[in-house]
Amino acid sequence: MSLHPSDLFLLRQGLDDAGMKQEAAENSVKHDIAMLRTELQHDIAMFRIKLTHDIEVRRREMITRVCFILLLVACASLIGIVIKAHFGAPLWQVLLRLAA
């Protein structure tokens, strides 16, 4: 079976059209991948910023808690010193006398 020259032309034209469509599809896929990569890089950067912020907030909270605990210890020590100076005995002995 022999093909007519016009049939060969149409076949060649169809193959050329298919090649251009494939190239356009590949370019579209490359563009989509580039956009997804950009979005992913942006999301990673935002996650790092949020994570860094969360770490800073937790660090400040821990520093505040430690300072509060140290303040409580200092106040308790000061109260103990005042009680010992006033009553002449440590706090636990004063509490035992008051309980008796």
N, C-alpha and C. Protein backbone atom coordinates (compact mmCIF):
# COMPACT_ATOMS: atom_id res chain seq x y z
N MET A 1 0.85 -1.16 0.00
CA MET A 1 0.00 0.00 0.00
C MET A 1 0.89 1.22 0.00
N SER A 2 0.69 2.04 -0.92
CA SER A 2 1.53 3.22 -1.10
C SER A 2 0.75 4.45 -0.66
N LEU A 3 1.49 5.39 -0.08
CA LEU A 3 0.86 6.63 0.40
C LEU A 3 1.00 7.70 -0.67
N HIS A 4 0.00 8.44 -0.78
CA HIS A 4 -0.02 9.57 -1.72
C HIS A 4 0.80 10.71 -1.10
N PRO A 5 1.44 11.57 -1.93
CA PRO A 5 2.23 12.68 -1.36
C PRO A 5 1.43 13.58 -0.43
N SER A 6 0.14 13.77 -0.70
CA SER A 6 -0.65 14.61 0.20
C SER A 6 -0.86 13.90 1.54
N ASP A 7 -0.97 12.57 1.48
CA ASP A 7 -1.09 11.80 2.73
C ASP A 7 0.21 11.90 3.53
N LEU A 8 1.34 11.84 2.84
CA LEU A 8 2.63 12.00 3.53
C LEU A 8 2.75 13.38 4.14
N PHE A 9 2.28 14.40 3.39
CA PHE A 9 2.32 15.76 3.93
C PHE A 9 1.45 15.87 5.19
N LEU A 10 0.27 15.31 5.16
CA LEU A 10 -0.63 15.35 6.32
C LEU A 10 -0.03 14.58 7.50
N LEU A 11 0.59 13.45 7.20
CA LEU A 11 1.22 12.67 8.25
C LEU A 11 2.37 13.45 8.88
N ARG A 12 3.19 14.06 8.01
CA ARG A 12 4.31 14.87 8.52
C ARG A 12 3.77 16.06 9.33
N GLN A 13 2.73 16.69 8.83
CA GLN A 13 2.12 17.83 9.54
C GLN A 13 1.58 17.38 10.89
N GLY A 14 0.95 16.21 10.94
CA GLY A 14 0.43 15.69 12.20
C GLY A 14 1.54 15.39 13.19
N LEU A 15 2.63 14.82 12.68
CA LEU A 15 3.77 14.54 13.56
C LEU A 15 4.40 15.83 14.08
N ASP A 16 4.51 16.83 13.20
CA ASP A 16 5.04 18.13 13.64
C ASP A 16 4.15 18.76 14.70
N ASP A 17 2.83 18.70 14.47
CA ASP A 17 1.89 19.25 15.46
C ASP A 17 2.01 18.51 16.79
N ALA A 18 2.14 17.19 16.71
CA ALA A 18 2.27 16.39 17.94
C ALA A 18 3.57 16.75 18.66
N GLY A 19 4.65 16.95 17.91
CA GLY A 19 5.93 17.33 18.51
C GLY A 19 5.84 18.68 19.20
N MET A 20 5.15 19.65 18.55
CA MET A 20 5.00 20.97 19.16
C MET A 20 4.14 20.89 20.42
N LYS A 21 3.10 20.06 20.36
CA LYS A 21 2.25 19.90 21.53
C LYS A 21 3.03 19.26 22.67
N GLN A 22 3.87 18.28 22.34
CA GLN A 22 4.68 17.64 23.37
C GLN A 22 5.66 18.64 23.96
N GLU A 23 6.27 19.46 23.11
CA GLU A 23 7.21 20.47 23.60
C GLU A 23 6.50 21.49 24.49
N ALA A 24 5.30 21.89 24.07
CA ALA A 24 4.52 22.82 24.89
C ALA A 24 4.16 22.19 26.23
N ALA A 25 3.79 20.91 26.20
CA ALA A 25 3.45 20.22 27.45
C ALA A 25 4.68 20.11 28.36
N GLU A 26 5.85 19.80 27.77
CA GLU A 26 7.08 19.73 28.57
C GLU A 26 7.42 21.08 29.18
N ASN A 27 7.26 22.14 28.38
CA ASN A 27 7.51 23.49 28.90
C ASN A 27 6.54 23.83 30.02
N SER A 28 5.30 23.42 29.87
CA SER A 28 4.30 23.67 30.91
C SER A 28 4.66 22.93 32.19
N VAL A 29 5.09 21.68 32.03
CA VAL A 29 5.48 20.89 33.20
C VAL A 29 6.70 21.53 33.88
N LYS A 30 7.67 21.96 33.09
CA LYS A 30 8.86 22.62 33.66
C LYS A 30 8.45 23.89 34.40
N HIS A 31 7.53 24.64 33.83
CA HIS A 31 7.05 25.87 34.48
C HIS A 31 6.34 25.54 35.79
N ASP A 32 5.48 24.51 35.75
CA ASP A 32 4.75 24.11 36.97
C ASP A 32 5.72 23.65 38.05
N ILE A 33 6.74 22.89 37.66
CA ILE A 33 7.73 22.42 38.63
C ILE A 33 8.47 23.60 39.23
N ALA A 34 8.83 24.57 38.39
CA ALA A 34 9.53 25.76 38.90
C ALA A 34 8.64 26.53 39.88
N MET A 35 7.36 26.65 39.57
CA MET A 35 6.44 27.36 40.47
C MET A 35 6.30 26.60 41.79
N LEU A 36 6.16 25.28 41.71
CA LEU A 36 6.05 24.47 42.94
C LEU A 36 7.32 24.57 43.77
N ARG A 37 8.47 24.57 43.12
CA ARG A 37 9.74 24.70 43.82
C ARG A 37 9.80 26.05 44.55
N THR A 38 9.37 27.12 43.85
CA THR A 38 9.37 28.45 44.47
C THR A 38 8.42 28.49 45.66
N GLU A 39 7.23 27.91 45.50
CA GLU A 39 6.27 27.87 46.61
C GLU A 39 6.83 27.07 47.78
N LEU A 40 7.47 25.95 47.48
CA LEU A 40 8.04 25.12 48.53
C LEU A 40 9.16 25.84 49.27
N GLN A 41 10.02 26.54 48.52
CA GLN A 41 11.08 27.32 49.17
C GLN A 41 10.50 28.41 50.05
N HIS A 42 9.42 29.04 49.58
CA HIS A 42 8.76 30.08 50.38
C HIS A 42 8.17 29.47 51.65
N ASP A 43 7.49 28.32 51.51
CA ASP A 43 6.90 27.65 52.68
C ASP A 43 7.97 27.24 53.68
N ILE A 44 9.10 26.75 53.20
CA ILE A 44 10.20 26.37 54.09
C ILE A 44 10.73 27.59 54.82
N ALA A 45 10.89 28.70 54.09
CA ALA A 45 11.38 29.93 54.72
C ALA A 45 10.41 30.42 55.79
N MET A 46 9.11 30.38 55.50
CA MET A 46 8.11 30.82 56.47
C MET A 46 8.10 29.88 57.69
N PHE A 47 8.26 28.59 57.46
CA PHE A 47 8.30 27.63 58.56
C PHE A 47 9.51 27.90 59.45
N ARG A 48 10.66 28.19 58.83
CA ARG A 48 11.86 28.49 59.61
C ARG A 48 11.66 29.75 60.44
N ILE A 49 11.04 30.76 59.86
CA ILE A 49 10.79 32.01 60.60
C ILE A 49 9.86 31.72 61.78
N LYS A 50 8.78 30.96 61.53
CA LYS A 50 7.84 30.65 62.61
C LYS A 50 8.52 29.80 63.69
N LEU A 51 9.31 28.82 63.27
CA LEU A 51 10.00 27.97 64.22
C LEU A 51 10.99 28.78 65.06
N THR A 52 11.72 29.67 64.41
CA THR A 52 12.66 30.53 65.13
C THR A 52 11.91 31.41 66.14
N HIS A 53 10.77 31.95 65.71
CA HIS A 53 9.97 32.79 66.61
C HIS A 53 9.47 31.97 67.80
N ASP A 54 8.96 30.75 67.53
CA ASP A 54 8.47 29.90 68.61
C ASP A 54 9.59 29.55 69.59
N ILE A 55 10.77 29.28 69.07
CA ILE A 55 11.91 28.98 69.95
C ILE A 55 12.25 30.19 70.80
N GLU A 56 12.24 31.39 70.21
CA GLU A 56 12.52 32.61 70.98
C GLU A 56 11.49 32.82 72.08
N VAL A 57 10.21 32.61 71.75
CA VAL A 57 9.15 32.79 72.74
C VAL A 57 9.32 31.80 73.89
N ARG A 58 9.59 30.55 73.56
CA ARG A 58 9.79 29.54 74.62
C ARG A 58 11.02 29.86 75.46
N ARG A 59 12.07 30.34 74.83
CA ARG A 59 13.27 30.70 75.58
C ARG A 59 12.96 31.83 76.55
N ARG A 60 12.22 32.84 76.09
CA ARG A 60 11.84 33.94 76.98
C ARG A 60 10.96 33.45 78.12
N GLU A 61 10.02 32.54 77.81
CA GLU A 61 9.16 31.99 78.85
C GLU A 61 9.98 31.23 79.89
N MET A 62 10.94 30.45 79.45
CA MET A 62 11.78 29.69 80.39
C MET A 62 12.62 30.64 81.24
N ILE A 63 13.17 31.68 80.64
CA ILE A 63 13.95 32.65 81.40
C ILE A 63 13.07 33.32 82.45
N THR A 64 11.84 33.66 82.07
CA THR A 64 10.90 34.28 83.01
C THR A 64 10.59 33.34 84.16
N ARG A 65 10.37 32.06 83.86
CA ARG A 65 10.08 31.08 84.91
C ARG A 65 11.26 30.91 85.86
N VAL A 66 12.45 30.81 85.29
CA VAL A 66 13.65 30.65 86.13
C VAL A 66 13.83 31.88 87.02
N CYS A 67 13.64 33.06 86.46
CA CYS A 67 13.77 34.29 87.26
C CYS A 67 12.72 34.33 88.37
N PHE A 68 11.50 33.89 88.06
CA PHE A 68 10.45 33.86 89.07
C PHE A 68 10.80 32.89 90.19
N ILE A 69 11.31 31.71 89.82
CA ILE A 69 11.71 30.73 90.83
C ILE A 69 12.84 31.28 91.70
N LEU A 70 13.81 31.92 91.07
CA LEU A 70 14.90 32.53 91.84
C LEU A 70 14.40 33.63 92.77
N LEU A 71 13.41 34.40 92.31
CA LEU A 71 12.82 35.43 93.14
C LEU A 71 12.11 34.81 94.34
N LEU A 72 11.38 33.71 94.11
CA LEU A 72 10.72 33.03 95.22
C LEU A 72 11.73 32.49 96.23
N VAL A 73 12.81 31.91 95.74
CA VAL A 73 13.85 31.39 96.63
C VAL A 73 14.47 32.53 97.43
N ALA A 74 14.73 33.65 96.76
CA ALA A 74 15.31 34.81 97.46
C ALA A 74 14.35 35.33 98.52
N CYS A 75 13.07 35.41 98.19
CA CYS A 75 12.08 35.89 99.17
C CYS A 75 11.99 34.92 100.36
N ALA A 76 11.98 33.63 100.07
CA ALA A 76 11.91 32.65 101.16
C ALA A 76 13.16 32.75 102.04
N SER A 77 14.31 32.94 101.43
CA SER A 77 15.54 33.10 102.22
C SER A 77 15.48 34.35 103.07
N LEU A 78 15.00 35.42 102.49
CA LEU A 78 14.89 36.68 103.24
C LEU A 78 13.91 36.54 104.39
N ILE A 79 12.79 35.87 104.15
CA ILE A 79 11.82 35.64 105.24
C ILE A 79 12.46 34.81 106.33
N GLY A 80 13.21 33.78 105.94
CA GLY A 80 13.90 32.95 106.93
C GLY A 80 14.91 33.76 107.74
N ILE A 81 15.64 34.65 107.09
CA ILE A 81 16.61 35.49 107.79
C ILE A 81 15.91 36.43 108.76
N VAL A 82 14.79 37.01 108.33
CA VAL A 82 14.05 37.94 109.20
C VAL A 82 13.47 37.19 110.40
N ILE A 83 12.90 36.01 110.17
CA ILE A 83 12.34 35.23 111.28
C ILE A 83 13.44 34.83 112.25
N LYS A 84 14.59 34.39 111.74
CA LYS A 84 15.68 34.00 112.63
C LYS A 84 16.18 35.20 113.43
N ALA A 85 16.24 36.36 112.79
CA ALA A 85 16.70 37.57 113.49
C ALA A 85 15.69 38.00 114.55
N HIS A 86 14.41 37.86 114.24
CA HIS A 86 13.38 38.31 115.17
C HIS A 86 13.16 37.32 116.32
N PHE A 87 13.09 36.04 115.98
CA PHE A 87 12.79 35.04 117.01
C PHE A 87 14.04 34.35 117.54
N GLY A 88 15.15 34.49 116.89
CA GLY A 88 16.39 33.88 117.35
C GLY A 88 16.47 32.40 117.06
N ALA A 89 15.62 31.89 116.18
CA ALA A 89 15.62 30.46 115.84
C ALA A 89 15.27 30.32 114.36
N PRO A 90 15.64 29.21 113.76
CA PRO A 90 15.26 28.98 112.36
C PRO A 90 13.75 28.85 112.21
N LEU A 91 13.29 29.00 110.99
CA LEU A 91 11.86 28.98 110.69
C LEU A 91 11.19 27.69 111.16
N TRP A 92 11.80 26.56 110.96
CA TRP A 92 11.16 25.31 111.33
C TRP A 92 10.97 25.20 112.83
N GLN A 93 11.90 25.78 113.62
CA GLN A 93 11.74 25.74 115.08
C GLN A 93 10.62 26.69 115.51
N VAL A 94 10.54 27.84 114.86
CA VAL A 94 9.46 28.79 115.17
C VAL A 94 8.10 28.16 114.87
N LEU A 95 8.01 27.48 113.73
CA LEU A 95 6.74 26.84 113.36
C LEU A 95 6.40 25.74 114.35
N LEU A 96 7.39 25.01 114.83
CA LEU A 96 7.13 23.98 115.84
C LEU A 96 6.62 24.61 117.13
N ARG A 97 7.17 25.74 117.54
CA ARG A 97 6.72 26.43 118.76
C ARG A 97 5.29 26.92 118.59
N LEU A 98 4.98 27.47 117.40
CA LEU A 98 3.64 27.97 117.17
C LEU A 98 2.61 26.83 117.12
N ALA A 99 3.01 25.69 116.61
CA ALA A 99 2.10 24.56 116.53
C ALA A 99 1.84 23.93 117.88
N ALA A 100 2.76 24.08 118.80
CA ALA A 100 2.64 23.43 120.10
C ALA A 100 1.67 24.14 121.01
